[in-house]
C-alpha atoms as a PDB file:
ATOM      1  CA  MET A   1      33.089  44.415   2.173  1.00  0.00           C
ATOM      2  CA  PRO A   2      33.494  41.217   4.202  1.00  0.00           C
ATOM      3  CA  SER A   3      33.151  38.004   2.259  1.00  0.00           C
ATOM      4  CA  ALA A   4      30.173  35.820   2.949  1.00  0.00           C
ATOM      5  CA  VAL A   5      30.763  32.855   5.214  1.00  0.00           C
ATOM      6  CA  PRO A   6      29.451  29.629   3.671  1.00  0.00           C
ATOM      7  CA  SER A   7      26.667  28.126   5.690  1.00  0.00           C
ATOM      8  CA  ALA A   8      27.423  24.777   7.281  1.00  0.00           C
ATOM      9  CA  THR A   9      25.806  21.706   5.750  1.00  0.00           C
ATOM     10  CA  PRO A  10      23.072  20.531   8.102  1.00  0.00           C
ATOM     11  CA  SER A  11      24.049  17.314   9.828  1.00  0.00           C
ATOM     12  CA  VAL A  12      21.762  14.338   9.393  1.00  0.00           C
ATOM     13  CA  ALA A  13      20.715  12.767  12.653  1.00  0.00           C
ATOM     14  CA  PRO A  14      21.528   9.065  12.850  1.00  0.00           C
ATOM     15  CA  VAL A  15      18.696   6.597  12.644  1.00  0.00           C
ATOM     16  CA  ARG A  16      17.474   5.758  16.132  1.00  0.00           C
ATOM     17  CA  PRO A  17      14.643   3.234  15.910  1.00  0.00           C
ATOM     18  CA  SER A  18      12.244   2.496  18.720  1.00  0.00           C
ATOM     19  CA  ILE A  19      11.836  -1.119  19.817  1.00  0.00           C
ATOM     20  CA  SER A  20      10.091  -2.857  22.696  1.00  0.00           C
ATOM     21  CA  LYS A  21      12.106  -4.432  25.492  1.00  0.00           C
ATOM     22  CA  ALA A  22      10.853  -7.874  24.418  1.00  0.00           C
ATOM     23  CA  GLY A  23      11.711  -7.103  20.800  1.00  0.00           C
ATOM     24  CA  LEU A  24      15.287  -6.139  21.627  1.00  0.00           C
ATOM     25  CA  ALA A  25      15.770  -9.258  23.759  1.00  0.00           C
ATOM     26  CA  TYR A  26      14.422 -11.370  20.901  1.00  0.00           C
ATOM     27  CA  PHE A  27      16.740  -9.609  18.464  1.00  0.00           C
ATOM     28  CA  PHE A  28      19.715 -10.578  20.590  1.00  0.00           C
ATOM     29  CA  THR A  29      18.512 -14.187  20.609  1.00  0.00           C
ATOM     30  CA  VAL A  30      17.884 -14.680  16.899  1.00  0.00           C
ATOM     31  CA  ALA A  31      20.147 -12.128  15.185  1.00  0.00           C
ATOM     32  CA  LEU A  32      23.411 -12.301  17.149  1.00  0.00           C
ATOM     33  CA  ARG A  33      23.746 -16.071  17.150  1.00  0.00           C
ATOM     34  CA  SER A  34      23.377 -18.958  14.719  1.00  0.00           C
ATOM     35  CA  GLN A  35      21.648 -22.309  15.003  1.00  0.00           C
ATOM     36  CA  TYR A  36      24.703 -24.168  13.703  1.00  0.00           C
ATOM     37  CA  GLY A  37      28.376 -23.307  13.783  1.00  0.00           C
ATOM     38  CA  THR A  38      30.245 -20.841  15.975  1.00  0.00           C
ATOM     39  CA  ASP A  39      28.241 -18.063  17.579  1.00  0.00           C
ATOM     40  CA  ALA A  40      29.620 -14.719  16.527  1.00  0.00           C
ATOM     41  CA  ASP A  41      27.625 -12.736  19.126  1.00  0.00           C
ATOM     42  CA  VAL A  42      27.625  -9.826  16.671  1.00  0.00           C
ATOM     43  CA  ALA A  43      25.336  -8.819  13.823  1.00  0.00           C
ATOM     44  CA  THR A  44      25.970 -10.497  10.464  1.00  0.00           C
ATOM     45  CA  MET A  45      23.933  -9.025   7.621  1.00  0.00           C
ATOM     46  CA  TRP A  46      23.760  -7.932   4.008  1.00  0.00           C
ATOM     47  CA  VAL A  47      24.859  -4.356   3.346  1.00  0.00           C
ATOM     48  CA  GLN A  48      23.801  -3.689  -0.256  1.00  0.00           C
ATOM     49  CA  PRO A  49      20.414  -2.108  -0.999  1.00  0.00           C
ATOM     50  CA  GLU A  50      19.297  -5.136  -3.003  1.00  0.00           C
ATOM     51  CA  VAL A  51      19.830  -8.851  -2.301  1.00  0.00           C
ATOM     52  CA  THR A  52      18.992 -10.906  -5.378  1.00  0.00           C
ATOM     53  CA  VAL A  53      17.459 -14.393  -5.215  1.00  0.00           C
ATOM     54  CA  ARG A  54      17.378 -16.933  -8.058  1.00  0.00           C
ATOM     55  CA  VAL A  55      14.749 -19.675  -7.704  1.00  0.00           C
ATOM     56  CA  HIS A  56      15.137 -23.263  -8.880  1.00  0.00           C
ATOM     57  CA  GLY A  57      12.006 -25.420  -9.151  1.00  0.00           C
ATOM     58  CA  GLY A  58       8.883 -25.014  -7.056  1.00  0.00           C
ATOM     59  CA  THR A  59       5.156 -25.319  -7.678  1.00  0.00           C
ATOM     60  CA  LYS A  60       2.963 -22.371  -8.560  1.00  0.00           C
ATOM     61  CA  ARG A  61       1.722 -22.245  -4.941  1.00  0.00           C
ATOM     62  CA  SER A  62       5.258 -22.392  -3.554  1.00  0.00           C
ATOM     63  CA  ARG A  63       6.410 -19.562  -5.794  1.00  0.00           C
ATOM     64  CA  SER A  64       3.340 -17.542  -4.864  1.00  0.00           C
ATOM     65  CA  CYS A  65       4.245 -18.024  -1.198  1.00  0.00           C
ATOM     66  CA  LEU A  66       7.812 -16.935  -1.915  1.00  0.00           C
ATOM     67  CA  ASN A  67       6.570 -13.782  -3.637  1.00  0.00           C
ATOM     68  CA  LYS A  68       4.457 -12.971  -0.562  1.00  0.00           C
ATOM     69  CA  VAL A  69       7.439 -13.484   1.753  1.00  0.00           C
ATOM     70  CA  VAL A  70       9.579 -11.153  -0.355  1.00  0.00           C
ATOM     71  CA  ALA A  71       6.861  -8.479  -0.298  1.00  0.00           C
ATOM     72  CA  ASP A  72       6.331  -8.826   3.466  1.00  0.00           C
ATOM     73  CA  PHE A  73      10.067  -8.646   4.169  1.00  0.00           C
ATOM     74  CA  ASN A  74      10.603  -5.597   1.962  1.00  0.00           C
ATOM     75  CA  ALA A  75       7.707  -3.779   3.634  1.00  0.00           C
ATOM     76  CA  LEU A  76       9.640  -3.949   6.919  1.00  0.00           C
ATOM     77  CA  THR A  77      13.122  -2.934   5.788  1.00  0.00           C
ATOM     78  CA  ALA A  78      14.550   0.545   5.250  1.00  0.00           C
ATOM     79  CA  THR A  79      17.970  -0.292   3.828  1.00  0.00           C
ATOM     80  CA  THR A  80      17.889  -3.643   2.010  1.00  0.00           C
ATOM     81  CA  ASP A  81      15.271  -5.309  -0.196  1.00  0.00           C
ATOM     82  CA  LEU A  82      14.962  -8.815  -1.583  1.00  0.00           C
ATOM     83  CA  THR A  83      14.589  -9.102  -5.364  1.00  0.00           C
ATOM     84  CA  LEU A  84      13.929 -12.206  -7.461  1.00  0.00           C
ATOM     85  CA  THR A  85      16.228 -12.492 -10.463  1.00  0.00           C
ATOM     86  CA  GLY A  86      17.023 -14.728 -13.398  1.00  0.00           C
ATOM     87  CA  GLY A  87      20.621 -13.546 -13.452  1.00  0.00           C
ATOM     88  CA  THR A  88      23.583 -14.168 -11.190  1.00  0.00           C
ATOM     89  CA  PRO A  89      22.189 -13.974  -7.634  1.00  0.00           C
ATOM     90  CA  ASP A  90      23.350 -13.335  -4.107  1.00  0.00           C
ATOM     91  CA  ILE A  91      21.182 -16.221  -2.851  1.00  0.00           C
ATOM     92  CA  GLU A  92      20.421 -19.458  -4.702  1.00  0.00           C
ATOM     93  CA  PHE A  93      16.974 -20.744  -3.660  1.00  0.00           C
ATOM     94  CA  TYR A  94      16.160 -24.409  -4.337  1.00  0.00           C
ATOM     95  CA  PHE A  95      12.973 -26.462  -4.104  1.00  0.00           C
ATOM     96  CA  ALA A  96      14.264 -30.029  -4.102  1.00  0.00           C
ATOM     97  CA  PRO A  97      13.851 -33.467  -2.489  1.00  0.00           C
ATOM     98  CA  VAL A  98      15.723 -33.819   0.782  1.00  0.00           C
ATOM     99  CA  THR A  99      17.860 -36.527  -0.835  1.00  0.00           C
ATOM    100  CA  LYS A 100      19.363 -33.827  -3.071  1.00  0.00           C
ATOM    101  CA  PHE A 101      20.162 -31.340  -0.296  1.00  0.00           C
ATOM    102  CA  ARG A 102      23.685 -32.545   0.450  1.00  0.00           C
ATOM    103  CA  SER A 103      24.695 -32.413  -3.216  1.00  0.00           C
ATOM    104  CA  ILE A 104      23.378 -28.834  -3.454  1.00  0.00           C
ATOM    105  CA  GLU A 105      24.903 -27.624  -0.183  1.00  0.00           C
ATOM    106  CA  PRO A 106      27.647 -29.778   1.423  1.00  0.00           C
ATOM    107  CA  HIS A 107      27.083 -28.070   4.795  1.00  0.00           C
ATOM    108  CA  TYR A 108      23.521 -29.422   5.000  1.00  0.00           C
ATOM    109  CA  VAL A 109      22.609 -30.840   8.423  1.00  0.00           C
ATOM    110  CA  PRO A 110      20.417 -33.968   8.057  1.00  0.00           C
ATOM    111  CA  GLY A 111      16.946 -33.901   9.570  1.00  0.00           C
ATOM    112  CA  ASN A 112      15.976 -30.459   8.245  1.00  0.00           C
ATOM    113  CA  ASP A 113      13.164 -29.988   5.712  1.00  0.00           C
ATOM    114  CA  GLY A 114      14.401 -26.453   5.131  1.00  0.00           C
ATOM    115  CA  PHE A 115      17.991 -25.268   5.352  1.00  0.00           C
ATOM    116  CA  PHE A 116      20.105 -22.209   4.602  1.00  0.00           C
ATOM    117  CA  TYR A 117      23.818 -21.541   4.519  1.00  0.00           C
ATOM    118  CA  VAL A 118      25.460 -18.147   4.092  1.00  0.00           C
ATOM    119  CA  HIS A 119      29.001 -16.888   3.679  1.00  0.00           C
ATOM    120  CA  TRP A 120      30.231 -13.636   5.165  1.00  0.00           C
ATOM    121  CA  SER A 121      33.409 -11.615   5.083  1.00  0.00           C
ATOM    122  CA  SER A 122      35.832 -10.967   7.927  1.00  0.00           C
ATOM    123  CA  GLY A 123      33.825  -7.795   8.528  1.00  0.00           C
ATOM    124  CA  PHE A 124      30.615  -9.832   9.083  1.00  0.00           C
ATOM    125  CA  GLU A 125      29.072  -8.648   5.808  1.00  0.00           C
ATOM    126  CA  MET A 126      27.127 -11.439   4.082  1.00  0.00           C
ATOM    127  CA  THR A 127      28.377 -12.206   0.596  1.00  0.00           C
ATOM    128  CA  SER A 128      26.454 -15.233  -0.733  1.00  0.00           C
ATOM    129  CA  GLY A 129      23.942 -17.823   0.397  1.00  0.00           C
ATOM    130  CA  THR A 130      21.918 -20.936  -0.382  1.00  0.00           C
ATOM    131  CA  VAL A 131      18.380 -21.775   0.734  1.00  0.00           C
ATOM    132  CA  MET A 132      16.836 -25.228   0.264  1.00  0.00           C
ATOM    133  CA  ILE A 133      13.194 -26.175   0.797  1.00  0.00           C
ATOM    134  CA  ARG A 134      11.847 -29.718   0.703  1.00  0.00           C
ATOM    135  CA  SER A 135       9.717 -30.204  -2.413  1.00  0.00           C
ATOM    136  CA  THR A 136       8.164 -33.616  -1.653  1.00  0.00           C
ATOM    137  CA  GLY A 137       6.647 -35.363   1.354  1.00  0.00           C
ATOM    138  CA  ILE A 138       5.318 -32.279   3.181  1.00  0.00           C
ATOM    139  CA  GLY A 139       2.152 -30.187   2.897  1.00  0.00           C
ATOM    140  CA  GLU A 140       1.850 -26.749   1.336  1.00  0.00           C
ATOM    141  CA  ARG A 141       1.419 -24.963   4.680  1.00  0.00           C
ATOM    142  CA  ALA A 142       4.585 -26.511   6.110  1.00  0.00           C
ATOM    143  CA  ARG A 143       6.462 -25.659   2.929  1.00  0.00           C
ATOM    144  CA  CYS A 144       5.222 -22.068   2.984  1.00  0.00           C
ATOM    145  CA  HIS A 145       6.361 -21.760   6.594  1.00  0.00           C
ATOM    146  CA  LEU A 146       9.809 -23.065   5.656  1.00  0.00           C
ATOM    147  CA  ILE A 147      10.081 -20.618   2.752  1.00  0.00           C
ATOM    148  CA  ARG A 148       9.454 -17.698   5.099  1.00  0.00           C
ATOM    149  CA  ALA A 149      11.624 -18.994   7.921  1.00  0.00           C
ATOM    150  CA  GLU A 150      14.688 -20.037   5.930  1.00  0.00           C
ATOM    151  CA  LEU A 151      14.835 -17.025   3.612  1.00  0.00           C
ATOM    152  CA  THR A 152      14.446 -14.642   6.560  1.00  0.00           C
ATOM    153  CA  ARG A 153      17.181 -16.456   8.461  1.00  0.00           C
ATOM    154  CA  ALA A 154      19.450 -16.211   5.440  1.00  0.00           C
ATOM    155  CA  MET A 155      19.115 -12.435   5.750  1.00  0.00           C
ATOM    156  CA  GLY A 156      20.918 -12.473   9.109  1.00  0.00           C
ATOM    157  CA  MET A 157      18.481 -13.778  11.714  1.00  0.00           C
ATOM    158  CA  ALA A 158      19.993 -17.216  11.959  1.00  0.00           C
ATOM    159  CA  ASN A 159      19.064 -18.630  15.345  1.00  0.00           C
ATOM    160  CA  ASN A 160      16.041 -20.489  16.708  1.00  0.00           C
ATOM    161  CA  SER A 161      14.159 -19.740  19.908  1.00  0.00           C
ATOM    162  CA  GLY A 162      11.859 -21.882  22.017  1.00  0.00           C
ATOM    163  CA  LYS A 163       9.911 -18.971  23.458  1.00  0.00           C
ATOM    164  CA  TYR A 164       7.213 -17.812  21.009  1.00  0.00           C
ATOM    165  CA  PRO A 165       5.219 -20.457  19.048  1.00  0.00           C
ATOM    166  CA  ASP A 166       3.764 -17.803  16.703  1.00  0.00           C
ATOM    167  CA  SER A 167       7.255 -16.727  15.606  1.00  0.00           C
ATOM    168  CA  ILE A 168       8.928 -18.051  12.468  1.00  0.00           C
ATOM    169  CA  PHE A 169      12.071 -18.466  14.582  1.00  0.00           C
ATOM    170  CA  TYR A 170      10.373 -20.919  16.957  1.00  0.00           C
ATOM    171  CA  GLY A 171      12.649 -23.939  17.250  1.00  0.00           C
ATOM    172  CA  ARG A 172      10.048 -26.605  18.002  1.00  0.00           C
ATOM    173  CA  TYR A 173       7.233 -27.857  15.792  1.00  0.00           C
ATOM    174  CA  SER A 174       5.129 -24.957  14.598  1.00  0.00           C
ATOM    175  CA  THR A 175       4.220 -23.711  11.132  1.00  0.00           C
ATOM    176  CA  PRO A 176       3.364 -19.992  11.243  1.00  0.00           C
ATOM    177  CA  THR A 177       3.089 -18.533   7.740  1.00  0.00           C
ATOM    178  CA  ARG A 178       3.132 -14.884   8.807  1.00  0.00           C
ATOM    179  CA  TYR A 179       5.580 -12.758  10.723  1.00  0.00           C
ATOM    180  CA  SER A 180       4.624 -12.267  14.366  1.00  0.00           C
ATOM    181  CA  SER A 181       4.761  -8.803  15.902  1.00  0.00           C
ATOM    182  CA  LEU A 182       8.147  -9.622  17.459  1.00  0.00           C
ATOM    183  CA  ASP A 183       9.441 -11.032  14.160  1.00  0.00           C
ATOM    184  CA  LYS A 184       8.574  -7.708  12.550  1.00  0.00           C
ATOM    185  CA  GLU A 185      10.431  -5.771  15.245  1.00  0.00           C
ATOM    186  CA  VAL A 186      13.543  -7.904  14.739  1.00  0.00           C
ATOM    187  CA  ILE A 187      13.528  -7.512  10.951  1.00  0.00           C
ATOM    188  CA  ARG A 188      12.881  -3.769  11.145  1.00  0.00           C
ATOM    189  CA  LEU A 189      15.771  -3.258  13.530  1.00  0.00           C
ATOM    190  CA  LEU A 190      18.345  -5.286  11.584  1.00  0.00           C
ATOM    191  CA  TYR A 191      17.645  -3.339   8.390  1.00  0.00           C
ATOM    192  CA  SER A 192      16.753   0.028   9.920  1.00  0.00           C
ATOM    193  CA  GLY A 193      20.121   1.640   9.242  1.00  0.00           C
ATOM    194  CA  ALA A 194      20.958   1.687  12.956  1.00  0.00           C
ATOM    195  CA  VAL A 195      22.661  -1.726  13.009  1.00  0.00           C
ATOM    196  CA  HIS A 196      25.891  -2.507  11.177  1.00  0.00           C
ATOM    197  CA  PRO A 197      27.869  -5.722  10.578  1.00  0.00           C
ATOM    198  CA  GLY A 198      29.935  -6.571  13.641  1.00  0.00           C
ATOM    199  CA  ASP A 199      27.780  -4.621  16.099  1.00  0.00           C
ATOM    200  CA  ASP A 200      27.414  -6.275  19.507  1.00  0.00           C
ATOM    201  CA  LYS A 201      24.759  -5.992  22.225  1.00  0.00           C
ATOM    202  CA  LYS A 202      26.228  -2.847  23.751  1.00  0.00           C
ATOM    203  CA  SER A 203      26.519  -0.904  20.510  1.00  0.00           C
ATOM    204  CA  ILE A 204      23.043  -1.952  19.374  1.00  0.00           C
ATOM    205  CA  THR A 205      21.503  -1.012  22.716  1.00  0.00           C
ATOM    206  CA  ARG A 206      23.092   2.449  22.429  1.00  0.00           C
ATOM    207  CA  ALA A 207      21.661   2.847  18.921  1.00  0.00           C
ATOM    208  CA  VAL A 208      17.998   2.264  19.786  1.00  0.00           C
ATOM    209  CA  THR A 209      15.279   3.682  21.996  1.00  0.00           C
ATOM    210  CA  VAL A 210      13.734   0.959  24.148  1.00  0.00           C
ATOM    211  CA  ARG A 211      10.077   1.552  24.897  1.00  0.00           C
END
């Protein structure tokens, strides 16, 4: 009697997200470059399923805003969530006067009311980061905007743009406290499972369906 032939394990189709043409162009602007330092022109991102954040200082309203940002971000991502922790974190998050920024993060660039700095490996995987938000001399709306903008940038979307005033990545004066539709597309794509550290425009374009 012939022996049974084991059935092949079904292959899992790779993730192939759909994104608008404008969304993909915006992704290339904000996620493949950085506001300061050398442009890598490739994706830099966190790879673990959970990125932990430890918070220092902050008013009740500021922490409430931070909680909302974390929830909004996690609702968009398939592979990596933000989690607040009291233990050893991946990202240290500070509410502090601007005069303290340089002592917290030596790479601070003066003139910024919010600032982030991240480290990544030679393989473009993020390994640790610092976010600083001005705690005095600005209103709650501006602070809430900075919380959303700087923490999101610390997740791998590091560049500004001058194109969409309703975007948190807008580089001129604007204080949106929600993600725009294009912001959501960018975040979804980076943490969809289709993009990997070191991917460039060509490889990302091949990995998505542009609608």
